[in-house]
Amino acid sequence: MAKKFTLVLSEETHELTRVEIENEAGDLDTTPEGAELLTLLHQQLR
């Protein structure tokens, strides 16, 4: 079964945006799958 993530973007400054992933319960996700998703996103945004 696939996990459901929510991508959360928050502007820290005009030059910096924080990207976080929340799990289905609304908590910050720290699983390997969440880390992989952030890594893939980072690679695509370069």
PDB file of N, CA and C in Angstrom:
ATOM      1  N   MET A   1       0.844  -1.184   0.000  1.00  0.00           N
ATOM      2  CA  MET A   1       0.000   0.000   0.000  1.00  0.00           C
ATOM      3  C   MET A   1       0.888   1.245   0.000  1.00  0.00           C
ATOM      4  N   ALA A   2       0.551   2.206  -0.832  1.00  0.00           N
ATOM      5  CA  ALA A   2       1.332   3.435  -0.948  1.00  0.00           C
ATOM      6  C   ALA A   2       1.059   4.354   0.235  1.00  0.00           C
ATOM      7  N   LYS A   3       2.118   5.049   0.649  1.00  0.00           N
ATOM      8  CA  LYS A   3       1.968   6.030   1.722  1.00  0.00           C
ATOM      9  C   LYS A   3       1.478   7.344   1.134  1.00  0.00           C
ATOM     10  N   LYS A   4       0.765   8.095   1.937  1.00  0.00           N
ATOM     11  CA  LYS A   4       0.283   9.409   1.522  1.00  0.00           C
ATOM     12  C   LYS A   4       1.078  10.465   2.283  1.00  0.00           C
ATOM     13  N   PHE A   5       1.680  11.394   1.537  1.00  0.00           N
ATOM     14  CA  PHE A   5       2.460  12.475   2.115  1.00  0.00           C
ATOM     15  C   PHE A   5       1.826  13.808   1.744  1.00  0.00           C
ATOM     16  N   THR A   6       2.043  14.809   2.563  1.00  0.00           N
ATOM     17  CA  THR A   6       1.664  16.179   2.241  1.00  0.00           C
ATOM     18  C   THR A   6       2.932  17.010   2.215  1.00  0.00           C
ATOM     19  N   LEU A   7       3.151  17.710   1.128  1.00  0.00           N
ATOM     20  CA  LEU A   7       4.309  18.579   0.988  1.00  0.00           C
ATOM     21  C   LEU A   7       3.941  19.947   1.547  1.00  0.00           C
ATOM     22  N   VAL A   8       4.734  20.445   2.488  1.00  0.00           N
ATOM     23  CA  VAL A   8       4.457  21.719   3.150  1.00  0.00           C
ATOM     24  C   VAL A   8       5.567  22.701   2.789  1.00  0.00           C
ATOM     25  N   LEU A   9       5.193  23.831   2.198  1.00  0.00           N
ATOM     26  CA  LEU A   9       6.146  24.878   1.828  1.00  0.00           C
ATOM     27  C   LEU A   9       5.886  26.098   2.697  1.00  0.00           C
ATOM     28  N   SER A  10       6.950  26.652   3.268  1.00  0.00           N
ATOM     29  CA  SER A  10       6.790  27.872   4.063  1.00  0.00           C
ATOM     30  C   SER A  10       7.937  28.823   3.746  1.00  0.00           C
ATOM     31  N   GLU A  11       7.580  30.072   3.485  1.00  0.00           N
ATOM     32  CA  GLU A  11       8.581  31.082   3.161  1.00  0.00           C
ATOM     33  C   GLU A  11       9.245  31.550   4.449  1.00  0.00           C
ATOM     34  N   GLU A  12      10.544  31.307   4.550  1.00  0.00           N
ATOM     35  CA  GLU A  12      11.313  31.750   5.710  1.00  0.00           C
ATOM     36  C   GLU A  12      11.799  33.188   5.498  1.00  0.00           C
ATOM     37  N   THR A  13      12.315  33.460   4.313  1.00  0.00           N
ATOM     38  CA  THR A  13      12.716  34.807   3.887  1.00  0.00           C
ATOM     39  C   THR A  13      12.361  34.900   2.401  1.00  0.00           C
ATOM     40  N   HIS A  14      12.662  36.040   1.781  1.00  0.00           N
ATOM     41  CA  HIS A  14      12.393  36.182   0.349  1.00  0.00           C
ATOM     42  C   HIS A  14      13.274  35.256  -0.482  1.00  0.00           C
ATOM     43  N   GLU A  15      14.408  34.814   0.080  1.00  0.00           N
ATOM     44  CA  GLU A  15      15.334  33.945  -0.641  1.00  0.00           C
ATOM     45  C   GLU A  15      15.270  32.489  -0.202  1.00  0.00           C
ATOM     46  N   LEU A  16      14.533  32.172   0.852  1.00  0.00           N
ATOM     47  CA  LEU A  16      14.565  30.830   1.428  1.00  0.00           C
ATOM     48  C   LEU A  16      13.156  30.295   1.677  1.00  0.00           C
ATOM     49  N   THR A  17      12.874  29.141   1.095  1.00  0.00           N
ATOM     50  CA  THR A  17      11.607  28.454   1.332  1.00  0.00           C
ATOM     51  C   THR A  17      11.900  27.120   1.996  1.00  0.00           C
ATOM     52  N   ARG A  18      11.226  26.833   3.089  1.00  0.00           N
ATOM     53  CA  ARG A  18      11.385  25.552   3.794  1.00  0.00           C
ATOM     54  C   ARG A  18      10.408  24.546   3.186  1.00  0.00           C
ATOM     55  N   VAL A  19      10.920  23.347   2.923  1.00  0.00           N
ATOM     56  CA  VAL A  19      10.104  22.263   2.383  1.00  0.00           C
ATOM     57  C   VAL A  19      10.104  21.133   3.402  1.00  0.00           C
ATOM     58  N   GLU A  20       8.919  20.727   3.830  1.00  0.00           N
ATOM     59  CA  GLU A  20       8.779  19.638   4.796  1.00  0.00           C
ATOM     60  C   GLU A  20       7.723  18.670   4.287  1.00  0.00           C
ATOM     61  N   ILE A  21       7.766  17.464   4.818  1.00  0.00           N
ATOM     62  CA  ILE A  21       6.771  16.455   4.469  1.00  0.00           C
ATOM     63  C   ILE A  21       6.039  16.055   5.734  1.00  0.00           C
ATOM     64  N   GLU A  22       4.716  16.030   5.635  1.00  0.00           N
ATOM     65  CA  GLU A  22       3.893  15.553   6.751  1.00  0.00           C
ATOM     66  C   GLU A  22       3.304  14.198   6.383  1.00  0.00           C
ATOM     67  N   ASN A  23       3.150  13.342   7.394  1.00  0.00           N
ATOM     68  CA  ASN A  23       2.502  12.049   7.169  1.00  0.00           C
ATOM     69  C   ASN A  23       0.988  12.220   7.255  1.00  0.00           C
ATOM     70  N   GLU A  24       0.270  11.129   7.148  1.00  0.00           N
ATOM     71  CA  GLU A  24      -1.198  11.199   7.149  1.00  0.00           C
ATOM     72  C   GLU A  24      -1.765  11.736   8.454  1.00  0.00           C
ATOM     73  N   ALA A  25      -1.015  11.605   9.561  1.00  0.00           N
ATOM     74  CA  ALA A  25      -1.471  12.111  10.862  1.00  0.00           C
ATOM     75  C   ALA A  25      -1.171  13.596  11.037  1.00  0.00           C
ATOM     76  N   GLY A  26      -0.453  14.200  10.064  1.00  0.00           N
ATOM     77  CA  GLY A  26      -0.114  15.615  10.159  1.00  0.00           C
ATOM     78  C   GLY A  26       1.184  15.886  10.889  1.00  0.00           C
ATOM     79  N   ASP A  27       1.935  14.821  11.209  1.00  0.00           N
ATOM     80  CA  ASP A  27       3.232  14.969  11.871  1.00  0.00           C
ATOM     81  C   ASP A  27       4.332  15.036  10.821  1.00  0.00           C
ATOM     82  N   LEU A  28       5.464  15.664  11.172  1.00  0.00           N
ATOM     83  CA  LEU A  28       6.594  15.680  10.254  1.00  0.00           C
ATOM     84  C   LEU A  28       7.036  14.251   9.984  1.00  0.00           C
ATOM     85  N   ASP A  29       7.257  13.945   8.726  1.00  0.00           N
ATOM     86  CA  ASP A  29       7.636  12.590   8.345  1.00  0.00           C
ATOM     87  C   ASP A  29       9.153  12.461   8.360  1.00  0.00           C
ATOM     88  N   THR A  30       9.654  11.447   9.038  1.00  0.00           N
ATOM     89  CA  THR A  30      11.101  11.205   9.120  1.00  0.00           C
ATOM     90  C   THR A  30      11.456   9.809   8.614  1.00  0.00           C
ATOM     91  N   THR A  31      10.566   9.201   7.840  1.00  0.00           N
ATOM     92  CA  THR A  31      10.815   7.860   7.325  1.00  0.00           C
ATOM     93  C   THR A  31      11.803   7.907   6.160  1.00  0.00           C
ATOM     94  N   PRO A  32      12.433   6.777   5.848  1.00  0.00           N
ATOM     95  CA  PRO A  32      13.316   6.726   4.672  1.00  0.00           C
ATOM     96  C   PRO A  32      12.582   7.097   3.383  1.00  0.00           C
ATOM     97  N   GLU A  33      11.315   6.729   3.278  1.00  0.00           N
ATOM     98  CA  GLU A  33      10.539   7.074   2.080  1.00  0.00           C
ATOM     99  C   GLU A  33      10.359   8.585   1.956  1.00  0.00           C
ATOM    100  N   GLY A  34      10.106   9.242   3.069  1.00  0.00           N
ATOM    101  CA  GLY A  34       9.979  10.698   3.055  1.00  0.00           C
ATOM    102  C   GLY A  34      11.282  11.372   2.681  1.00  0.00           C
ATOM    103  N   ALA A  35      12.382  10.857   3.213  1.00  0.00           N
ATOM    104  CA  ALA A  35      13.704  11.403   2.882  1.00  0.00           C
ATOM    105  C   ALA A  35      14.005  11.212   1.399  1.00  0.00           C
ATOM    106  N   GLU A  36      13.630  10.058   0.857  1.00  0.00           N
ATOM    107  CA  GLU A  36      13.850   9.802  -0.565  1.00  0.00           C
ATOM    108  C   GLU A  36      13.029  10.759  -1.424  1.00  0.00           C
ATOM    109  N   LEU A  37      11.798  11.017  -1.022  1.00  0.00           N
ATOM    110  CA  LEU A  37      10.948  11.956  -1.755  1.00  0.00           C
ATOM    111  C   LEU A  37      11.571  13.350  -1.776  1.00  0.00           C
ATOM    112  N   LEU A  38      12.070  13.814  -0.629  1.00  0.00           N
ATOM    113  CA  LEU A  38      12.715  15.130  -0.579  1.00  0.00           C
ATOM    114  C   LEU A  38      13.981  15.159  -1.428  1.00  0.00           C
ATOM    115  N   THR A  39      14.736  14.077  -1.431  1.00  0.00           N
ATOM    116  CA  THR A  39      15.948  13.995  -2.247  1.00  0.00           C
ATOM    117  C   THR A  39      15.606  14.090  -3.729  1.00  0.00           C
ATOM    118  N   LEU A  40      14.595  13.350  -4.159  1.00  0.00           N
ATOM    119  CA  LEU A  40      14.176  13.399  -5.562  1.00  0.00           C
ATOM    120  C   LEU A  40      13.670  14.783  -5.946  1.00  0.00           C
ATOM    121  N   LEU A  41      12.916  15.412  -5.072  1.00  0.00           N
ATOM    122  CA  LEU A  41      12.424  16.764  -5.319  1.00  0.00           C
ATOM    123  C   LEU A  41      13.587  17.744  -5.448  1.00  0.00           C
ATOM    124  N   HIS A  42      14.551  17.636  -4.556  1.00  0.00           N
ATOM    125  CA  HIS A  42      15.727  18.512  -4.593  1.00  0.00           C
ATOM    126  C   HIS A  42      16.482  18.349  -5.909  1.00  0.00           C
ATOM    127  N   GLN A  43      16.649  17.122  -6.369  1.00  0.00           N
ATOM    128  CA  GLN A  43      17.347  16.872  -7.629  1.00  0.00           C
ATOM    129  C   GLN A  43      16.602  17.495  -8.804  1.00  0.00           C
ATOM    130  N   GLN A  44      15.283  17.446  -8.784  1.00  0.00           N
ATOM    131  CA  GLN A  44      14.488  18.007  -9.874  1.00  0.00           C
ATOM    132  C   GLN A  44      14.512  19.535  -9.889  1.00  0.00           C
ATOM    133  N   LEU A  45      14.662  20.145  -8.723  1.00  0.00           N
ATOM    134  CA  LEU A  45      14.632  21.609  -8.633  1.00  0.00           C
ATOM    135  C   LEU A  45      15.978  22.259  -8.938  1.00  0.00           C
ATOM    136  N   ARG A  46      17.015  21.485  -9.014  1.00  0.00           N
ATOM    137  CA  ARG A  46      18.349  22.045  -9.298  1.00  0.00           C
ATOM    138  C   ARG A  46      18.426  22.671 -10.648  1.00  0.00           C
TER     139      ARG A  46
END
